[in-house]
PDB file of all heavy atoms in Angstrom:
ATOM      1  N   THR A   1      -4.404  13.581   6.130  1.00  0.00           N
ATOM      2  CA  THR A   1      -5.084  14.867   5.785  1.00  0.00           C
ATOM      3  C   THR A   1      -6.269  15.142   6.706  1.00  0.00           C
ATOM      4  O   THR A   1      -6.800  14.189   7.289  1.00  0.00           O
ATOM      5  CB  THR A   1      -5.571  14.774   4.344  1.00  0.00           C
ATOM      6  OG1 THR A   1      -6.562  13.701   4.195  1.00  0.00           O
ATOM      7  CG2 THR A   1      -4.462  14.517   3.375  1.00  0.00           C
ATOM      8  N   ILE A   2      -6.683  16.377   6.753  1.00  0.00           N
ATOM      9  CA  ILE A   2      -7.739  16.739   7.624  1.00  0.00           C
ATOM     10  C   ILE A   2      -9.076  16.113   7.128  1.00  0.00           C
ATOM     11  O   ILE A   2      -9.956  15.750   7.962  1.00  0.00           O
ATOM     12  CB  ILE A   2      -7.906  18.275   7.720  1.00  0.00           C
ATOM     13  CG1 ILE A   2      -8.891  18.680   8.837  1.00  0.00           C
ATOM     14  CG2 ILE A   2      -8.329  18.886   6.429  1.00  0.00           C
ATOM     15  CD1 ILE A   2      -8.377  18.243  10.243  1.00  0.00           C
ATOM     16  N   GLY A   3      -9.199  15.927   5.815  1.00  0.00           N
ATOM     17  CA  GLY A   3     -10.427  15.247   5.285  1.00  0.00           C
ATOM     18  C   GLY A   3     -10.526  13.834   5.821  1.00  0.00           C
ATOM     19  O   GLY A   3     -11.597  13.359   6.243  1.00  0.00           O
ATOM     20  N   GLY A   4      -9.396  13.121   5.801  1.00  0.00           N
ATOM     21  CA  GLY A   4      -9.366  11.778   6.323  1.00  0.00           C
ATOM     22  C   GLY A   4      -9.583  11.748   7.825  1.00  0.00           C
ATOM     23  O   GLY A   4     -10.266  10.862   8.346  1.00  0.00           O
ATOM     24  N   ASN A   5      -9.058  12.745   8.520  1.00  0.00           N
ATOM     25  CA  ASN A   5      -9.253  12.842   9.985  1.00  0.00           C
ATOM     26  C   ASN A   5     -10.717  13.026  10.326  1.00  0.00           C
ATOM     27  O   ASN A   5     -11.248  12.381  11.231  1.00  0.00           O
ATOM     28  CB  ASN A   5      -8.511  14.037  10.559  1.00  0.00           C
ATOM     29  CG  ASN A   5      -6.979  13.885  10.578  1.00  0.00           C
ATOM     30  OD1 ASN A   5      -6.261  14.788  10.907  1.00  0.00           O
ATOM     31  ND2 ASN A   5      -6.502  12.697  10.187  1.00  0.00           N
ATOM     32  N   VAL A   6     -11.418  13.829   9.502  1.00  0.00           N
ATOM     33  CA  VAL A   6     -12.889  14.023   9.719  1.00  0.00           C
ATOM     34  C   VAL A   6     -13.614  12.719   9.411  1.00  0.00           C
ATOM     35  O   VAL A   6     -14.495  12.319  10.173  1.00  0.00           O
ATOM     36  CB  VAL A   6     -13.392  15.196   8.857  1.00  0.00           C
ATOM     37  CG1 VAL A   6     -14.934  15.236   8.904  1.00  0.00           C
ATOM     38  CG2 VAL A   6     -12.841  16.523   9.312  1.00  0.00           C
ATOM     39  N   ALA A   7     -13.223  12.063   8.347  1.00  0.00           N
ATOM     40  CA  ALA A   7     -13.909  10.809   7.966  1.00  0.00           C
ATOM     41  C   ALA A   7     -13.785   9.761   9.023  1.00  0.00           C
ATOM     42  O   ALA A   7     -14.735   8.972   9.261  1.00  0.00           O
ATOM     43  CB  ALA A   7     -13.380  10.298   6.666  1.00  0.00           C
ATOM     44  N   GLU A   8     -12.618   9.698   9.697  1.00  0.00           N
ATOM     45  CA  GLU A   8     -12.409   8.624  10.672  1.00  0.00           C
ATOM     46  C   GLU A   8     -12.567   9.076  12.129  1.00  0.00           C
ATOM     47  O   GLU A   8     -12.442   8.277  13.031  1.00  0.00           O
ATOM     48  CB  GLU A   8     -11.011   8.055  10.522  1.00  0.00           C
ATOM     49  CG  GLU A   8     -10.672   7.539   9.083  1.00  0.00           C
ATOM     50  CD  GLU A   8     -11.561   6.398   8.720  1.00  0.00           C
ATOM     51  OE1 GLU A   8     -12.065   5.662   9.583  1.00  0.00           O
ATOM     52  OE2 GLU A   8     -11.817   6.225   7.500  1.00  0.00           O
ATOM     53  N   ASN A   9     -12.763  10.358  12.360  1.00  0.00           N
ATOM     54  CA  ASN A   9     -12.808  10.936  13.720  1.00  0.00           C
ATOM     55  C   ASN A   9     -11.477  10.619  14.445  1.00  0.00           C
ATOM     56  O   ASN A   9     -11.519  10.010  15.549  1.00  0.00           O
ATOM     57  CB  ASN A   9     -13.989  10.469  14.514  1.00  0.00           C
ATOM     58  CG  ASN A   9     -14.213  11.271  15.775  1.00  0.00           C
ATOM     59  OD1 ASN A   9     -13.703  12.400  15.929  1.00  0.00           O
ATOM     60  ND2 ASN A   9     -14.880  10.701  16.734  1.00  0.00           N
ATOM     61  N   SER A  10     -10.388  11.004  13.840  1.00  0.00           N
ATOM     62  CA  SER A  10      -9.051  10.655  14.386  1.00  0.00           C
ATOM     63  C   SER A  10      -8.813  11.333  15.719  1.00  0.00           C
ATOM     64  O   SER A  10      -9.371  12.419  15.995  1.00  0.00           O
ATOM     65  CB  SER A  10      -7.954  11.078  13.394  1.00  0.00           C
ATOM     66  OG  SER A  10      -8.179  10.466  12.103  1.00  0.00           O
ATOM     67  N   GLY A  11      -7.883  10.771  16.503  1.00  0.00           N
ATOM     68  CA  GLY A  11      -7.556  11.332  17.789  1.00  0.00           C
ATOM     69  C   GLY A  11      -6.133  11.664  17.900  1.00  0.00           C
ATOM     70  O   GLY A  11      -5.640  12.690  17.397  1.00  0.00           O
ATOM     71  N   GLY A  12      -5.323  10.816  18.560  1.00  0.00           N
ATOM     72  CA  GLY A  12      -3.897  11.114  18.721  1.00  0.00           C
ATOM     73  C   GLY A  12      -3.522  11.048  20.165  1.00  0.00           C
ATOM     74  O   GLY A  12      -4.318  10.829  21.089  1.00  0.00           O
ATOM     75  N   VAL A  13      -2.223  11.260  20.449  1.00  0.00           N
ATOM     76  CA  VAL A  13      -1.698  11.069  21.782  1.00  0.00           C
ATOM     77  C   VAL A  13      -2.195  12.102  22.777  1.00  0.00           C
ATOM     78  O   VAL A  13      -2.140  11.925  23.981  1.00  0.00           O
ATOM     79  CB  VAL A  13      -0.165  11.000  21.804  1.00  0.00           C
ATOM     80  CG1 VAL A  13       0.361   9.870  20.944  1.00  0.00           C
ATOM     81  CG2 VAL A  13       0.439  12.306  21.334  1.00  0.00           C
ATOM     82  N   HIS A  14      -2.707  13.245  22.286  1.00  0.00           N
ATOM     83  CA  HIS A  14      -3.158  14.296  23.182  1.00  0.00           C
ATOM     84  C   HIS A  14      -4.693  14.433  23.231  1.00  0.00           C
ATOM     85  O   HIS A  14      -5.237  15.405  23.673  1.00  0.00           O
ATOM     86  CB  HIS A  14      -2.569  15.633  22.763  1.00  0.00           C
ATOM     87  CG  HIS A  14      -1.089  15.704  23.018  1.00  0.00           C
ATOM     88  ND1 HIS A  14      -0.140  15.469  22.051  1.00  0.00           N
ATOM     89  CD2 HIS A  14      -0.404  15.987  24.180  1.00  0.00           C
ATOM     90  CE1 HIS A  14       1.065  15.560  22.564  1.00  0.00           C
ATOM     91  NE2 HIS A  14       0.959  15.887  23.849  1.00  0.00           N
ATOM     92  N   CYS A  15      -5.398  13.375  22.724  1.00  0.00           N
ATOM     93  CA  CYS A  15      -6.842  13.451  22.660  1.00  0.00           C
ATOM     94  C   CYS A  15      -7.486  13.355  24.013  1.00  0.00           C
ATOM     95  O   CYS A  15      -8.613  13.820  24.193  1.00  0.00           O
ATOM     96  CB  CYS A  15      -7.405  12.371  21.736  1.00  0.00           C
ATOM     97  SG  CYS A  15      -7.180  10.704  22.325  1.00  0.00           S
ATOM     98  N   LEU A  16      -6.846  12.844  25.033  1.00  0.00           N
ATOM     99  CA  LEU A  16      -7.429  12.717  26.351  1.00  0.00           C
ATOM    100  C   LEU A  16      -7.811  14.101  26.898  1.00  0.00           C
ATOM    101  O   LEU A  16      -8.903  14.308  27.432  1.00  0.00           O
ATOM    102  CB  LEU A  16      -6.469  12.056  27.316  1.00  0.00           C
ATOM    103  CG  LEU A  16      -6.916  11.929  28.767  1.00  0.00           C
ATOM    104  CD1 LEU A  16      -8.183  11.095  28.850  1.00  0.00           C
ATOM    105  CD2 LEU A  16      -5.812  11.332  29.642  1.00  0.00           C
ATOM    106  N   LYS A  17      -6.900  15.055  26.707  1.00  0.00           N
ATOM    107  CA  LYS A  17      -7.153  16.404  27.232  1.00  0.00           C
ATOM    108  C   LYS A  17      -7.872  17.330  26.246  1.00  0.00           C
ATOM    109  O   LYS A  17      -8.696  18.136  26.601  1.00  0.00           O
ATOM    110  CB  LYS A  17      -5.844  17.071  27.658  1.00  0.00           C
ATOM    111  CG  LYS A  17      -5.963  18.454  28.257  1.00  0.00           C
ATOM    112  CD  LYS A  17      -4.664  18.958  28.823  1.00  0.00           C
ATOM    113  CE  LYS A  17      -4.830  20.332  29.462  1.00  0.00           C
ATOM    114  NZ  LYS A  17      -3.502  20.797  30.048  1.00  0.00           N
ATOM    115  N   TYR A  18      -7.513  17.164  24.918  1.00  0.00           N
ATOM    116  CA  TYR A  18      -7.965  18.104  23.958  1.00  0.00           C
ATOM    117  C   TYR A  18      -9.032  17.625  23.024  1.00  0.00           C
ATOM    118  O   TYR A  18      -9.603  18.357  22.224  1.00  0.00           O
ATOM    119  CB  TYR A  18      -6.767  18.641  23.110  1.00  0.00           C
ATOM    120  CG  TYR A  18      -5.803  19.421  23.942  1.00  0.00           C
ATOM    121  CD1 TYR A  18      -4.611  18.893  24.398  1.00  0.00           C
ATOM    122  CD2 TYR A  18      -6.084  20.786  24.266  1.00  0.00           C
ATOM    123  CE1 TYR A  18      -3.739  19.603  25.177  1.00  0.00           C
ATOM    124  CE2 TYR A  18      -5.175  21.509  24.993  1.00  0.00           C
ATOM    125  CZ  TYR A  18      -4.004  20.937  25.471  1.00  0.00           C
ATOM    126  OH  TYR A  18      -3.133  21.657  26.235  1.00  0.00           O
ATOM    127  N   GLY A  19      -9.383  16.308  23.119  1.00  0.00           N
ATOM    128  CA  GLY A  19     -10.478  15.814  22.377  1.00  0.00           C
ATOM    129  C   GLY A  19     -10.083  15.278  21.007  1.00  0.00           C
ATOM    130  O   GLY A  19      -8.984  15.399  20.544  1.00  0.00           O
ATOM    131  N   LEU A  20     -11.088  14.582  20.394  1.00  0.00           N
ATOM    132  CA  LEU A  20     -10.942  13.981  19.074  1.00  0.00           C
ATOM    133  C   LEU A  20     -11.231  15.025  18.006  1.00  0.00           C
ATOM    134  O   LEU A  20     -11.556  16.170  18.312  1.00  0.00           O
ATOM    135  CB  LEU A  20     -11.862  12.767  18.913  1.00  0.00           C
ATOM    136  CG  LEU A  20     -11.702  11.671  19.970  1.00  0.00           C
ATOM    137  CD1 LEU A  20     -12.932  10.752  19.944  1.00  0.00           C
ATOM    138  CD2 LEU A  20     -10.444  10.879  19.688  1.00  0.00           C
ATOM    139  N   THR A  21     -11.183  14.575  16.738  1.00  0.00           N
ATOM    140  CA  THR A  21     -11.527  15.495  15.648  1.00  0.00           C
ATOM    141  C   THR A  21     -12.883  16.140  15.838  1.00  0.00           C
ATOM    142  O   THR A  21     -13.085  17.336  15.589  1.00  0.00           O
ATOM    143  CB  THR A  21     -11.456  14.749  14.300  1.00  0.00           C
ATOM    144  OG1 THR A  21     -10.113  14.255  14.107  1.00  0.00           O
ATOM    145  CG2 THR A  21     -11.816  15.662  13.112  1.00  0.00           C
ATOM    146  N   VAL A  22     -13.908  15.335  16.214  1.00  0.00           N
ATOM    147  CA  VAL A  22     -15.286  15.870  16.378  1.00  0.00           C
ATOM    148  C   VAL A  22     -15.339  17.054  17.311  1.00  0.00           C
ATOM    149  O   VAL A  22     -16.220  17.896  17.203  1.00  0.00           O
ATOM    150  CB  VAL A  22     -16.233  14.727  16.772  1.00  0.00           C
ATOM    151  CG1 VAL A  22     -15.988  14.301  18.243  1.00  0.00           C
ATOM    152  CG2 VAL A  22     -17.665  15.171  16.572  1.00  0.00           C
ATOM    153  N   HIS A  23     -14.412  17.117  18.289  1.00  0.00           N
ATOM    154  CA  HIS A  23     -14.415  18.181  19.262  1.00  0.00           C
ATOM    155  C   HIS A  23     -13.624  19.408  18.797  1.00  0.00           C
ATOM    156  O   HIS A  23     -13.634  20.448  19.432  1.00  0.00           O
ATOM    157  CB  HIS A  23     -13.777  17.719  20.558  1.00  0.00           C
ATOM    158  CG  HIS A  23     -14.418  16.485  21.143  1.00  0.00           C
ATOM    159  ND1 HIS A  23     -13.788  15.284  21.242  1.00  0.00           N
ATOM    160  CD2 HIS A  23     -15.695  16.274  21.578  1.00  0.00           C
ATOM    161  CE1 HIS A  23     -14.607  14.380  21.780  1.00  0.00           C
ATOM    162  NE2 HIS A  23     -15.763  14.947  21.970  1.00  0.00           N
ATOM    163  N   ASN A  24     -12.985  19.270  17.632  1.00  0.00           N
ATOM    164  CA  ASN A  24     -12.099  20.351  17.172  1.00  0.00           C
ATOM    165  C   ASN A  24     -12.410  20.868  15.764  1.00  0.00           C
ATOM    166  O   ASN A  24     -11.693  21.685  15.232  1.00  0.00           O
ATOM    167  CB  ASN A  24     -10.636  19.846  17.197  1.00  0.00           C
ATOM    168  CG  ASN A  24     -10.107  19.705  18.614  1.00  0.00           C
ATOM    169  OD1 ASN A  24      -9.616  20.664  19.198  1.00  0.00           O
ATOM    170  ND2 ASN A  24     -10.219  18.490  19.159  1.00  0.00           N
ATOM    171  N   VAL A  25     -13.493  20.401  15.191  1.00  0.00           N
ATOM    172  CA  VAL A  25     -13.971  20.873  13.901  1.00  0.00           C
ATOM    173  C   VAL A  25     -15.297  21.604  14.038  1.00  0.00           C
ATOM    174  O   VAL A  25     -16.188  21.136  14.682  1.00  0.00           O
ATOM    175  CB  VAL A  25     -14.111  19.710  12.869  1.00  0.00           C
ATOM    176  CG1 VAL A  25     -14.728  20.205  11.584  1.00  0.00           C
ATOM    177  CG2 VAL A  25     -12.773  19.035  12.637  1.00  0.00           C
ATOM    178  N   LEU A  26     -15.324  22.822  13.544  1.00  0.00           N
ATOM    179  CA  LEU A  26     -16.535  23.671  13.674  1.00  0.00           C
ATOM    180  C   LEU A  26     -17.458  23.555  12.493  1.00  0.00           C
ATOM    181  O   LEU A  26     -18.670  23.546  12.614  1.00  0.00           O
ATOM    182  CB  LEU A  26     -16.101  25.127  13.839  1.00  0.00           C
ATOM    183  CG  LEU A  26     -15.391  25.511  15.162  1.00  0.00           C
ATOM    184  CD1 LEU A  26     -14.820  26.912  15.057  1.00  0.00           C
ATOM    185  CD2 LEU A  26     -16.381  25.441  16.316  1.00  0.00           C
ATOM    186  N   ARG A  27     -16.847  23.474  11.308  1.00  0.00           N
ATOM    187  CA  ARG A  27     -17.666  23.561  10.084  1.00  0.00           C
ATOM    188  C   ARG A  27     -17.012  22.719   8.999  1.00  0.00           C
ATOM    189  O   ARG A  27     -15.752  22.617   8.911  1.00  0.00           O
ATOM    190  CB  ARG A  27     -17.760  24.985   9.604  1.00  0.00           C
ATOM    191  CG  ARG A  27     -18.347  25.214   8.218  1.00  0.00           C
ATOM    192  CD  ARG A  27     -18.202  26.668   7.818  1.00  0.00           C
ATOM    193  NE  ARG A  27     -18.250  26.859   6.381  1.00  0.00           N
ATOM    194  CZ  ARG A  27     -17.222  26.761   5.528  1.00  0.00           C
ATOM    195  NH1 ARG A  27     -16.006  26.451   6.015  1.00  0.00           N
ATOM    196  NH2 ARG A  27     -17.415  26.944   4.268  1.00  0.00           N
ATOM    197  N   VAL A  28     -17.828  22.040   8.192  1.00  0.00           N
ATOM    198  CA  VAL A  28     -17.297  21.229   7.068  1.00  0.00           C
ATOM    199  C   VAL A  28     -18.117  21.554   5.838  1.00  0.00           C
ATOM    200  O   VAL A  28     -19.377  21.648   5.850  1.00  0.00           O
ATOM    201  CB  VAL A  28     -17.441  19.720   7.415  1.00  0.00           C
ATOM    202  CG1 VAL A  28     -17.213  18.885   6.159  1.00  0.00           C
ATOM    203  CG2 VAL A  28     -16.394  19.338   8.457  1.00  0.00           C
ATOM    204  N   ARG A  29     -17.478  21.699   4.756  1.00  0.00           N
ATOM    205  CA  ARG A  29     -18.099  21.946   3.474  1.00  0.00           C
ATOM    206  C   ARG A  29     -17.770  20.686   2.571  1.00  0.00           C
ATOM    207  O   ARG A  29     -16.711  20.088   2.635  1.00  0.00           O
ATOM    208  CB  ARG A  29     -17.580  23.154   2.784  1.00  0.00           C
ATOM    209  CG  ARG A  29     -18.097  23.421   1.330  1.00  0.00           C
ATOM    210  CD  ARG A  29     -17.509  24.711   0.776  1.00  0.00           C
ATOM    211  NE  ARG A  29     -17.820  24.812  -0.644  1.00  0.00           N
ATOM    212  CZ  ARG A  29     -18.984  25.278  -1.128  1.00  0.00           C
ATOM    213  NH1 ARG A  29     -19.944  25.651  -0.334  1.00  0.00           N
ATOM    214  NH2 ARG A  29     -19.174  25.332  -2.445  1.00  0.00           N
ATOM    215  N   GLY A  30     -18.772  20.326   1.755  1.00  0.00           N
ATOM    216  CA  GLY A  30     -18.550  19.190   0.869  1.00  0.00           C
ATOM    217  C   GLY A  30     -19.635  19.066  -0.151  1.00  0.00           C
ATOM    218  O   GLY A  30     -20.392  19.984  -0.441  1.00  0.00           O
ATOM    219  N   TYR A  31     -19.752  17.842  -0.750  1.00  0.00           N
ATOM    220  CA  TYR A  31     -20.721  17.571  -1.809  1.00  0.00           C
ATOM    221  C   TYR A  31     -21.391  16.262  -1.582  1.00  0.00           C
ATOM    222  O   TYR A  31     -20.749  15.288  -1.150  1.00  0.00           O
ATOM    223  CB  TYR A  31     -20.029  17.607  -3.185  1.00  0.00           C
ATOM    224  CG  TYR A  31     -19.653  19.002  -3.599  1.00  0.00           C
ATOM    225  CD1 TYR A  31     -18.424  19.568  -3.167  1.00  0.00           C
ATOM    226  CD2 TYR A  31     -20.507  19.782  -4.344  1.00  0.00           C
ATOM    227  CE1 TYR A  31     -18.109  20.857  -3.518  1.00  0.00           C
ATOM    228  CE2 TYR A  31     -20.170  21.089  -4.728  1.00  0.00           C
ATOM    229  CZ  TYR A  31     -18.985  21.615  -4.280  1.00  0.00           C
ATOM    230  OH  TYR A  31     -18.626  22.916  -4.589  1.00  0.00           O
ATOM    231  N   THR A  32     -22.666  16.197  -1.869  1.00  0.00           N
ATOM    232  CA  THR A  32     -23.403  14.960  -1.762  1.00  0.00           C
ATOM    233  C   THR A  32     -23.084  14.088  -3.008  1.00  0.00           C
ATOM    234  O   THR A  32     -22.387  14.518  -3.886  1.00  0.00           O
ATOM    235  CB  THR A  32     -24.921  15.211  -1.763  1.00  0.00           C
ATOM    236  OG1 THR A  32     -25.304  15.730  -3.058  1.00  0.00           O
ATOM    237  CG2 THR A  32     -25.301  16.184  -0.681  1.00  0.00           C
ATOM    238  N   VAL A  33     -23.523  12.851  -3.011  1.00  0.00           N
ATOM    239  CA  VAL A  33     -23.280  11.981  -4.125  1.00  0.00           C
ATOM    240  C   VAL A  33     -23.866  12.497  -5.415  1.00  0.00           C
ATOM    241  O   VAL A  33     -23.349  12.184  -6.509  1.00  0.00           O
ATOM    242  CB  VAL A  33     -23.810  10.573  -3.805  1.00  0.00           C
ATOM    243  CG1 VAL A  33     -25.345  10.528  -3.767  1.00  0.00           C
ATOM    244  CG2 VAL A  33     -23.266   9.524  -4.754  1.00  0.00           C
ATOM    245  N   GLU A  34     -24.865  13.340  -5.341  1.00  0.00           N
ATOM    246  CA  GLU A  34     -25.491  13.912  -6.559  1.00  0.00           C
ATOM    247  C   GLU A  34     -24.701  15.172  -7.002  1.00  0.00           C
ATOM    248  O   GLU A  34     -25.097  15.799  -7.973  1.00  0.00           O
ATOM    249  CB  GLU A  34     -26.961  14.304  -6.308  1.00  0.00           C
ATOM    250  CG  GLU A  34     -27.855  13.148  -6.038  1.00  0.00           C
ATOM    251  CD  GLU A  34     -28.004  12.884  -4.582  1.00  0.00           C
ATOM    252  OE1 GLU A  34     -27.234  13.452  -3.738  1.00  0.00           O
ATOM    253  OE2 GLU A  34     -28.929  12.123  -4.183  1.00  0.00           O
ATOM    254  N   GLY A  35     -23.630  15.540  -6.260  1.00  0.00           N
ATOM    255  CA  GLY A  35     -22.899  16.729  -6.676  1.00  0.00           C
ATOM    256  C   GLY A  35     -23.440  18.057  -6.152  1.00  0.00           C
ATOM    257  O   GLY A  35     -23.074  19.148  -6.599  1.00  0.00           O
ATOM    258  N   GLU A  36     -24.329  17.962  -5.123  1.00  0.00           N
ATOM    259  CA  GLU A  36     -24.871  19.178  -4.513  1.00  0.00           C
ATOM    260  C   GLU A  36     -24.019  19.664  -3.346  1.00  0.00           C
ATOM    261  O   GLU A  36     -23.604  18.858  -2.476  1.00  0.00           O
ATOM    262  CB  GLU A  36     -26.288  18.836  -4.000  1.00  0.00           C
ATOM    263  CG  GLU A  36     -26.970  20.028  -3.288  1.00  0.00           C
ATOM    264  CD  GLU A  36     -28.261  19.664  -2.607  1.00  0.00           C
ATOM    265  OE1 GLU A  36     -28.705  18.512  -2.788  1.00  0.00           O
ATOM    266  OE2 GLU A  36     -28.852  20.503  -1.923  1.00  0.00           O
ATOM    267  N   ALA A  37     -23.744  20.947  -3.325  1.00  0.00           N
ATOM    268  CA  ALA A  37     -22.889  21.530  -2.266  1.00  0.00           C
ATOM    269  C   ALA A  37     -23.667  21.536  -0.975  1.00  0.00           C
ATOM    270  O   ALA A  37     -24.881  21.885  -0.915  1.00  0.00           O
ATOM    271  CB  ALA A  37     -22.499  22.956  -2.619  1.00  0.00           C
ATOM    272  N   VAL A  38     -23.012  21.105   0.142  1.00  0.00           N
ATOM    273  CA  VAL A  38     -23.630  21.093   1.463  1.00  0.00           C
ATOM    274  C   VAL A  38     -22.654  21.587   2.499  1.00  0.00           C
ATOM    275  O   VAL A  38     -21.426  21.533   2.281  1.00  0.00           O
ATOM    276  CB  VAL A  38     -24.088  19.652   1.859  1.00  0.00           C
ATOM    277  CG1 VAL A  38     -25.313  19.259   1.054  1.00  0.00           C
ATOM    278  CG2 VAL A  38     -22.944  18.642   1.662  1.00  0.00           C
ATOM    279  N   GLU A  39     -23.158  22.141   3.600  1.00  0.00           N
ATOM    280  CA  GLU A  39     -22.321  22.544   4.720  1.00  0.00           C
ATOM    281  C   GLU A  39     -22.923  21.976   5.994  1.00  0.00           C
ATOM    282  O   GLU A  39     -24.103  21.851   6.174  1.00  0.00           O
ATOM    283  CB  GLU A  39     -22.263  24.077   4.833  1.00  0.00           C
ATOM    284  CG  GLU A  39     -21.409  24.716   3.762  1.00  0.00           C
ATOM    285  CD  GLU A  39     -21.077  26.185   4.063  1.00  0.00           C
ATOM    286  OE1 GLU A  39     -21.404  26.639   5.181  1.00  0.00           O
ATOM    287  OE2 GLU A  39     -20.503  26.827   3.165  1.00  0.00           O
ATOM    288  N   PHE A  40     -22.008  21.601   6.891  1.00  0.00           N
ATOM    289  CA  PHE A  40     -22.409  21.088   8.210  1.00  0.00           C
ATOM    290  C   PHE A  40     -21.714  21.910   9.263  1.00  0.00           C
ATOM    291  O   PHE A  40     -20.570  22.268   9.151  1.00  0.00           O
ATOM    292  CB  PHE A  40     -21.969  19.604   8.348  1.00  0.00           C
ATOM    293  CG  PHE A  40     -22.511  18.723   7.254  1.00  0.00           C
ATOM    294  CD1 PHE A  40     -21.835  18.556   6.072  1.00  0.00           C
ATOM    295  CD2 PHE A  40     -23.745  18.074   7.431  1.00  0.00           C
ATOM    296  CE1 PHE A  40     -22.294  17.702   5.062  1.00  0.00           C
ATOM    297  CE2 PHE A  40     -24.237  17.248   6.437  1.00  0.00           C
ATOM    298  CZ  PHE A  40     -23.521  17.028   5.276  1.00  0.00           C
ATOM    299  N   GLY A  41     -22.443  22.171  10.387  1.00  0.00           N
ATOM    300  CA  GLY A  41     -21.867  23.002  11.431  1.00  0.00           C
ATOM    301  C   GLY A  41     -21.835  24.469  11.043  1.00  0.00           C
ATOM    302  O   GLY A  41     -22.439  24.936  10.089  1.00  0.00           O
ATOM    303  N   SER A  42     -21.057  25.234  11.806  1.00  0.00           N
ATOM    304  CA  SER A  42     -20.911  26.674  11.513  1.00  0.00           C
ATOM    305  C   SER A  42     -19.639  27.158  12.224  1.00  0.00           C
ATOM    306  O   SER A  42     -19.074  26.461  13.009  1.00  0.00           O
ATOM    307  CB  SER A  42     -22.137  27.470  11.980  1.00  0.00           C
ATOM    308  OG  SER A  42     -22.121  27.614  13.392  1.00  0.00           O
ATOM    309  N   GLU A  43     -19.271  28.403  11.969  1.00  0.00           N
ATOM    310  CA  GLU A  43     -18.087  28.941  12.636  1.00  0.00           C
ATOM    311  C   GLU A  43     -18.447  29.494  13.991  1.00  0.00           C
ATOM    312  O   GLU A  43     -17.555  29.908  14.730  1.00  0.00           O
ATOM    313  CB  GLU A  43     -17.483  30.048  11.762  1.00  0.00           C
ATOM    314  CG  GLU A  43     -16.864  29.450  10.476  1.00  0.00           C
ATOM    315  CD  GLU A  43     -16.084  30.473   9.650  1.00  0.00           C
ATOM    316  OE1 GLU A  43     -15.827  31.541  10.206  1.00  0.00           O
ATOM    317  OE2 GLU A  43     -15.718  30.166   8.524  1.00  0.00           O
TER     318      GLU A  43
END
């Protein structure tokens, strides 16, 4: 899943040219351990 890919910064056989997950994700939404909504990055 994409959530797991973000957690592990997954790559793949084409990462040499196109980059890892960190190079291909613009924005992430989630929740802190206290249940507070947070966003990282932007579109």
